[in-house]
Amino acid sequence: RLVMDLKFALSEGFEKINLLTPEAEKAWKNWLK
């Protein structure tokens, strides 16, 4: 939406967070087998 309004994310104060939850990381490591 900010892009639509010609603005950008981090400069607008969006916070960086880790989106990889422990459950998703466990599933990924299982898939790696």
All heavy atoms as atom14 arrays in JSON, in Angstrom:
{
  "sequence": "RLVMDLKFALSEGFEKINLLTPEAEKAWKNWLK",
  "atom14_mask": [
    [1, 1, 1, 1, 1, 1, 1, 1, 1, 1, 1, 0, 0, 0],
    [1, 1, 1, 1, 1, 1, 1, 1, 0, 0, 0, 0, 0, 0],
    [1, 1, 1, 1, 1, 1, 1, 0, 0, 0, 0, 0, 0, 0],
    [1, 1, 1, 1, 1, 1, 1, 1, 0, 0, 0, 0, 0, 0],
    [1, 1, 1, 1, 1, 1, 1, 1, 0, 0, 0, 0, 0, 0],
    [1, 1, 1, 1, 1, 1, 1, 1, 0, 0, 0, 0, 0, 0],
    [1, 1, 1, 1, 1, 1, 1, 1, 1, 0, 0, 0, 0, 0],
    [1, 1, 1, 1, 1, 1, 1, 1, 1, 1, 1, 0, 0, 0],
    [1, 1, 1, 1, 1, 0, 0, 0, 0, 0, 0, 0, 0, 0],
    [1, 1, 1, 1, 1, 1, 1, 1, 0, 0, 0, 0, 0, 0],
    [1, 1, 1, 1, 1, 1, 0, 0, 0, 0, 0, 0, 0, 0],
    [1, 1, 1, 1, 1, 1, 1, 1, 1, 0, 0, 0, 0, 0],
    [1, 1, 1, 1, 0, 0, 0, 0, 0, 0, 0, 0, 0, 0],
    [1, 1, 1, 1, 1, 1, 1, 1, 1, 1, 1, 0, 0, 0],
    [1, 1, 1, 1, 1, 1, 1, 1, 1, 0, 0, 0, 0, 0],
    [1, 1, 1, 1, 1, 1, 1, 1, 1, 0, 0, 0, 0, 0],
    [1, 1, 1, 1, 1, 1, 1, 1, 0, 0, 0, 0, 0, 0],
    [1, 1, 1, 1, 1, 1, 1, 1, 0, 0, 0, 0, 0, 0],
    [1, 1, 1, 1, 1, 1, 1, 1, 0, 0, 0, 0, 0, 0],
    [1, 1, 1, 1, 1, 1, 1, 1, 0, 0, 0, 0, 0, 0],
    [1, 1, 1, 1, 1, 1, 1, 0, 0, 0, 0, 0, 0, 0],
    [1, 1, 1, 1, 1, 1, 1, 0, 0, 0, 0, 0, 0, 0],
    [1, 1, 1, 1, 1, 1, 1, 1, 1, 0, 0, 0, 0, 0],
    [1, 1, 1, 1, 1, 0, 0, 0, 0, 0, 0, 0, 0, 0],
    [1, 1, 1, 1, 1, 1, 1, 1, 1, 0, 0, 0, 0, 0],
    [1, 1, 1, 1, 1, 1, 1, 1, 1, 0, 0, 0, 0, 0],
    [1, 1, 1, 1, 1, 0, 0, 0, 0, 0, 0, 0, 0, 0],
    [1, 1, 1, 1, 1, 1, 1, 1, 1, 1, 1, 1, 1, 1],
    [1, 1, 1, 1, 1, 1, 1, 1, 1, 0, 0, 0, 0, 0],
    [1, 1, 1, 1, 1, 1, 1, 1, 0, 0, 0, 0, 0, 0],
    [1, 1, 1, 1, 1, 1, 1, 1, 1, 1, 1, 1, 1, 1],
    [1, 1, 1, 1, 1, 1, 1, 1, 0, 0, 0, 0, 0, 0],
    [1, 1, 1, 1, 1, 1, 1, 1, 1, 0, 0, 0, 0, 0]
  ],
  "atom14_positions": [
    [[0.82, -1.21, 0.0], [0.0, 0.0, 0.0], [0.86, 1.26, 0.0], [0.54, 2.24, -0.68], [-0.95, 0.0, 1.21], [-1.94, 1.15, 1.14], [-2.94, 1.13, 2.27], [-3.9, 2.22, 2.08], [-4.85, 2.53, 2.96], [-4.97, 1.83, 4.08], [-5.67, 3.54, 2.73], [0.0, 0.0, 0.0], [0.0, 0.0, 0.0], [0.0, 0.0, 0.0]],
    [[1.95, 1.23, 0.75], [2.85, 2.38, 0.75], [3.5, 2.58, -0.62], [3.69, 3.71, -1.06], [3.94, 2.2, 1.82], [3.47, 2.37, 3.27], [4.58, 1.97, 4.23], [3.05, 3.81, 3.53], [0.0, 0.0, 0.0], [0.0, 0.0, 0.0], [0.0, 0.0, 0.0], [0.0, 0.0, 0.0], [0.0, 0.0, 0.0], [0.0, 0.0, 0.0]],
    [[3.84, 1.47, -1.28], [4.38, 1.57, -2.64], [3.35, 2.22, -3.56], [3.68, 3.07, -4.39], [4.79, 0.19, -3.16], [5.1, 0.23, -4.65], [6.02, -0.32, -2.4], [0.0, 0.0, 0.0], [0.0, 0.0, 0.0], [0.0, 0.0, 0.0], [0.0, 0.0, 0.0], [0.0, 0.0, 0.0], [0.0, 0.0, 0.0], [0.0, 0.0, 0.0]],
    [[2.09, 1.82, -3.39], [1.02, 2.42, -4.19], [0.97, 3.93, -3.96], [0.7, 4.71, -4.87], [-0.33, 1.79, -3.83], [-1.5, 2.33, -4.64], [-3.08, 1.51, -4.22], [-3.43, 2.21, -2.6], [0.0, 0.0, 0.0], [0.0, 0.0, 0.0], [0.0, 0.0, 0.0], [0.0, 0.0, 0.0], [0.0, 0.0, 0.0], [0.0, 0.0, 0.0]],
    [[1.27, 4.31, -2.72], [1.26, 5.74, -2.36], [2.64, 6.37, -2.53], [2.9, 7.47, -2.04], [0.8, 5.91, -0.91], [-0.64, 5.49, -0.73], [-1.41, 5.57, -1.7], [-1.01, 5.08, 0.38], [0.0, 0.0, 0.0], [0.0, 0.0, 0.0], [0.0, 0.0, 0.0], [0.0, 0.0, 0.0], [0.0, 0.0, 0.0], [0.0, 0.0, 0.0]],
    [[3.57, 5.65, -3.19], [4.92, 6.14, -3.49], [5.75, 6.41, -2.25], [6.48, 7.38, -2.15], [4.85, 7.41, -4.36], [4.14, 7.25, -5.69], [4.16, 8.56, -6.46], [4.75, 6.13, -6.52], [0.0, 0.0, 0.0], [0.0, 0.0, 0.0], [0.0, 0.0, 0.0], [0.0, 0.0, 0.0], [0.0, 0.0, 0.0], [0.0, 0.0, 0.0]],
    [[5.62, 5.5, -1.28], [6.46, 5.56, -0.09], [7.16, 4.21, 0.05], [6.88, 3.27, -0.68], [5.61, 5.86, 1.15], [4.88, 7.2, 1.06], [3.98, 7.4, 2.27], [3.16, 8.67, 2.15], [2.21, 8.84, 3.25], [0.0, 0.0, 0.0], [0.0, 0.0, 0.0], [0.0, 0.0, 0.0], [0.0, 0.0, 0.0], [0.0, 0.0, 0.0]],
    [[8.06, 4.09, 1.02], [8.8, 2.85, 1.16], [8.85, 2.4, 2.61], [8.75, 3.2, 3.53], [10.2, 3.01, 0.58], [10.19, 3.27, -0.89], [10.24, 4.57, -1.37], [10.06, 2.23, -1.78], [10.19, 4.83, -2.74], [10.01, 2.48, -3.15], [10.07, 3.78, -3.63], [0.0, 0.0, 0.0], [0.0, 0.0, 0.0], [0.0, 0.0, 0.0]],
    [[9.03, 1.08, 2.78], [8.77, 0.42, 4.04], [9.68, 0.83, 5.2], [9.21, 1.42, 6.17], [8.86, -1.1, 3.86], [0.0, 0.0, 0.0], [0.0, 0.0, 0.0], [0.0, 0.0, 0.0], [0.0, 0.0, 0.0], [0.0, 0.0, 0.0], [0.0, 0.0, 0.0], [0.0, 0.0, 0.0], [0.0, 0.0, 0.0], [0.0, 0.0, 0.0]],
    [[10.96, 0.51, 5.12], [11.82, 0.75, 6.28], [11.95, 2.23, 6.6], [12.02, 2.62, 7.76], [13.2, 0.13, 6.05], [13.21, -1.4, 5.96], [14.62, -1.9, 5.65], [12.69, -2.02, 7.25], [0.0, 0.0, 0.0], [0.0, 0.0, 0.0], [0.0, 0.0, 0.0], [0.0, 0.0, 0.0], [0.0, 0.0, 0.0], [0.0, 0.0, 0.0]],
    [[11.93, 3.06, 5.56], [12.0, 4.5, 5.8], [10.73, 5.02, 6.47], [10.72, 6.11, 7.02], [12.22, 5.26, 4.48], [11.12, 5.08, 3.61], [0.0, 0.0, 0.0], [0.0, 0.0, 0.0], [0.0, 0.0, 0.0], [0.0, 0.0, 0.0], [0.0, 0.0, 0.0], [0.0, 0.0, 0.0], [0.0, 0.0, 0.0], [0.0, 0.0, 0.0]],
    [[9.67, 4.21, 6.41], [8.4, 4.58, 7.05], [8.24, 3.93, 8.41], [7.15, 3.96, 8.99], [7.23, 4.19, 6.13], [7.15, 5.01, 4.86], [6.94, 6.49, 5.13], [6.08, 6.82, 5.95], [7.66, 7.3, 4.53], [0.0, 0.0, 0.0], [0.0, 0.0, 0.0], [0.0, 0.0, 0.0], [0.0, 0.0, 0.0], [0.0, 0.0, 0.0]],
    [[9.29, 3.31, 8.91], [9.27, 2.81, 10.27], [8.86, 1.36, 10.44], [8.61, 0.92, 11.57], [0.0, 0.0, 0.0], [0.0, 0.0, 0.0], [0.0, 0.0, 0.0], [0.0, 0.0, 0.0], [0.0, 0.0, 0.0], [0.0, 0.0, 0.0], [0.0, 0.0, 0.0], [0.0, 0.0, 0.0], [0.0, 0.0, 0.0], [0.0, 0.0, 0.0]],
    [[8.77, 0.59, 9.34], [8.46, -0.83, 9.5], [9.6, -1.53, 10.23], [10.77, -1.32, 9.92], [8.24, -1.49, 8.13], [6.84, -1.32, 7.61], [6.46, -0.11, 7.03], [5.92, -2.33, 7.72], [5.18, 0.06, 6.55], [4.63, -2.17, 7.24], [4.26, -0.97, 6.66], [0.0, 0.0, 0.0], [0.0, 0.0, 0.0], [0.0, 0.0, 0.0]],
    [[9.25, -2.38, 11.19], [10.24, -3.08, 12.0], [10.6, -4.42, 11.38], [9.72, -5.14, 10.89], [9.67, -3.31, 13.4], [10.61, -4.02, 14.36], [9.96, -4.29, 15.71], [8.8, -3.87, 15.89], [10.61, -4.94, 16.54], [0.0, 0.0, 0.0], [0.0, 0.0, 0.0], [0.0, 0.0, 0.0], [0.0, 0.0, 0.0], [0.0, 0.0, 0.0]],
    [[11.88, -4.77, 11.4], [12.31, -6.07, 10.91], [12.09, -7.12, 12.0], [12.48, -6.92, 13.15], [13.8, -6.04, 10.53], [14.11, -5.22, 9.29], [15.59, -5.14, 9.02], [16.17, -6.5, 8.69], [17.59, -6.43, 8.27], [0.0, 0.0, 0.0], [0.0, 0.0, 0.0], [0.0, 0.0, 0.0], [0.0, 0.0, 0.0], [0.0, 0.0, 0.0]],
    [[11.43, -8.24, 11.65], [11.24, -9.33, 12.6], [11.57, -10.65, 11.91], [11.6, -10.74, 10.68], [9.8, -9.38, 13.16], [8.82, -9.87, 12.09], [9.37, -8.05, 13.7], [7.5, -10.29, 12.68], [0.0, 0.0, 0.0], [0.0, 0.0, 0.0], [0.0, 0.0, 0.0], [0.0, 0.0, 0.0], [0.0, 0.0, 0.0], [0.0, 0.0, 0.0]],
    [[11.83, -11.68, 12.7], [12.1, -13.01, 12.16], [10.77, -13.71, 11.9], [10.03, -14.03, 12.83], [12.94, -13.82, 13.15], [13.31, -15.18, 12.6], [13.07, -15.47, 11.43], [13.9, -16.02, 13.44], [0.0, 0.0, 0.0], [0.0, 0.0, 0.0], [0.0, 0.0, 0.0], [0.0, 0.0, 0.0], [0.0, 0.0, 0.0], [0.0, 0.0, 0.0]],
    [[10.45, -13.97, 10.64], [9.19, -14.61, 10.27], [9.24, -16.13, 10.39], [8.2, -16.79, 10.31], [8.81, -14.23, 8.83], [8.61, -12.74, 8.54], [8.26, -12.55, 7.07], [7.54, -12.13, 9.43], [0.0, 0.0, 0.0], [0.0, 0.0, 0.0], [0.0, 0.0, 0.0], [0.0, 0.0, 0.0], [0.0, 0.0, 0.0], [0.0, 0.0, 0.0]],
    [[10.43, -16.7, 10.57], [10.57, -18.15, 10.66], [10.3, -18.61, 12.09], [11.13, -18.46, 12.97], [11.98, -18.57, 10.21], [12.23, -20.07, 10.13], [11.36, -20.7, 9.04], [13.71, -20.35, 9.86], [0.0, 0.0, 0.0], [0.0, 0.0, 0.0], [0.0, 0.0, 0.0], [0.0, 0.0, 0.0], [0.0, 0.0, 0.0], [0.0, 0.0, 0.0]],
    [[9.12, -19.18, 12.32], [8.76, -19.68, 13.65], [9.47, -21.01, 13.91], [9.88, -21.7, 12.97], [7.24, -19.89, 13.78], [6.83, -20.86, 12.8], [6.49, -18.59, 13.56], [0.0, 0.0, 0.0], [0.0, 0.0, 0.0], [0.0, 0.0, 0.0], [0.0, 0.0, 0.0], [0.0, 0.0, 0.0], [0.0, 0.0, 0.0], [0.0, 0.0, 0.0]],
    [[9.61, -21.4, 15.18], [10.24, -22.7, 15.48], [9.55, -23.87, 14.79], [10.21, -24.81, 14.33], [10.12, -22.79, 17.0], [10.09, -21.37, 17.47], [9.32, -20.64, 16.4], [0.0, 0.0, 0.0], [0.0, 0.0, 0.0], [0.0, 0.0, 0.0], [0.0, 0.0, 0.0], [0.0, 0.0, 0.0], [0.0, 0.0, 0.0], [0.0, 0.0, 0.0]],
    [[8.22, -23.83, 14.69], [7.47, -24.91, 14.04], [7.8, -25.0, 12.56], [8.01, -26.09, 12.01], [5.97, -24.7, 14.24], [5.48, -24.86, 15.67], [5.76, -23.65, 16.54], [6.19, -22.6, 15.99], [5.55, -23.74, 17.77], [0.0, 0.0, 0.0], [0.0, 0.0, 0.0], [0.0, 0.0, 0.0], [0.0, 0.0, 0.0], [0.0, 0.0, 0.0]],
    [[7.86, -23.83, 11.89], [8.18, -23.83, 10.46], [9.62, -24.25, 10.23], [9.92, -24.94, 9.25], [7.92, -22.44, 9.87], [0.0, 0.0, 0.0], [0.0, 0.0, 0.0], [0.0, 0.0, 0.0], [0.0, 0.0, 0.0], [0.0, 0.0, 0.0], [0.0, 0.0, 0.0], [0.0, 0.0, 0.0], [0.0, 0.0, 0.0], [0.0, 0.0, 0.0]],
    [[10.53, -23.84, 11.12], [11.93, -24.23, 10.98], [12.09, -25.74, 11.14], [12.85, -26.39, 10.39], [12.8, -23.51, 12.01], [14.28, -23.81, 11.87], [15.13, -23.01, 12.85], [14.59, -22.56, 13.88], [16.33, -22.87, 12.58], [0.0, 0.0, 0.0], [0.0, 0.0, 0.0], [0.0, 0.0, 0.0], [0.0, 0.0, 0.0], [0.0, 0.0, 0.0]],
    [[11.34, -26.33, 12.07], [11.38, -27.78, 12.27], [10.89, -28.51, 11.02], [11.49, -29.5, 10.59], [10.52, -28.15, 13.48], [10.53, -29.63, 13.81], [9.68, -29.93, 15.04], [9.66, -31.42, 15.35], [8.81, -31.71, 16.54], [0.0, 0.0, 0.0], [0.0, 0.0, 0.0], [0.0, 0.0, 0.0], [0.0, 0.0, 0.0], [0.0, 0.0, 0.0]],
    [[9.8, -28.01, 10.43], [9.26, -28.63, 9.21], [10.27, -28.54, 8.07], [10.44, -29.48, 7.29], [7.94, -27.97, 8.83], [0.0, 0.0, 0.0], [0.0, 0.0, 0.0], [0.0, 0.0, 0.0], [0.0, 0.0, 0.0], [0.0, 0.0, 0.0], [0.0, 0.0, 0.0], [0.0, 0.0, 0.0], [0.0, 0.0, 0.0], [0.0, 0.0, 0.0]],
    [[10.94, -27.4, 7.95], [11.94, -27.21, 6.89], [13.12, -28.16, 7.08], [13.57, -28.79, 6.11], [12.42, -25.75, 6.91], [13.64, -25.5, 6.09], [13.76, -25.62, 4.74], [14.92, -25.07, 6.57], [15.04, -25.29, 4.33], [15.76, -24.94, 5.44], [15.42, -24.77, 7.83], [17.09, -24.54, 5.56], [16.76, -24.36, 7.94], [17.57, -24.26, 6.82]],
    [[13.61, -28.3, 8.3], [14.74, -29.2, 8.56], [14.36, -30.65, 8.26], [15.18, -31.43, 7.78], [15.21, -29.04, 10.0], [15.95, -27.73, 10.24], [16.45, -27.6, 11.67], [17.24, -26.3, 11.85], [17.7, -26.11, 13.25], [0.0, 0.0, 0.0], [0.0, 0.0, 0.0], [0.0, 0.0, 0.0], [0.0, 0.0, 0.0], [0.0, 0.0, 0.0]],
    [[13.1, -31.0, 8.53], [12.63, -32.34, 8.19], [12.58, -32.53, 6.68], [12.95, -33.58, 6.15], [11.24, -32.57, 8.8], [10.77, -33.99, 8.61], [11.44, -34.93, 9.02], [9.6, -34.15, 8.02], [0.0, 0.0, 0.0], [0.0, 0.0, 0.0], [0.0, 0.0, 0.0], [0.0, 0.0, 0.0], [0.0, 0.0, 0.0], [0.0, 0.0, 0.0]],
    [[12.15, -31.47, 5.96], [12.1, -31.53, 4.5], [13.5, -31.68, 3.9], [13.69, -32.35, 2.88], [11.42, -30.27, 3.95], [11.47, -30.16, 2.46], [10.66, -30.77, 1.55], [12.41, -29.39, 1.69], [11.02, -30.43, 0.27], [12.09, -29.59, 0.33], [13.47, -28.55, 2.02], [12.8, -28.97, -0.7], [14.18, -27.95, 1.01], [13.85, -28.15, -0.34]],
    [[14.49, -31.07, 4.54], [15.87, -31.11, 4.03], [16.43, -32.53, 3.94], [17.37, -32.78, 3.19], [16.79, -30.27, 4.93], [16.74, -28.75, 4.74], [17.63, -28.07, 5.78], [17.16, -28.35, 3.34], [0.0, 0.0, 0.0], [0.0, 0.0, 0.0], [0.0, 0.0, 0.0], [0.0, 0.0, 0.0], [0.0, 0.0, 0.0], [0.0, 0.0, 0.0]],
    [[15.81, -33.46, 4.68], [16.3, -34.84, 4.65], [16.16, -35.45, 3.27], [16.93, -36.31, 2.87], [15.53, -35.68, 5.68], [15.77, -35.25, 7.13], [14.89, -36.02, 8.09], [15.07, -35.53, 9.53], [14.16, -36.23, 10.47], [0.0, 0.0, 0.0], [0.0, 0.0, 0.0], [0.0, 0.0, 0.0], [0.0, 0.0, 0.0], [0.0, 0.0, 0.0]]
  ]
}
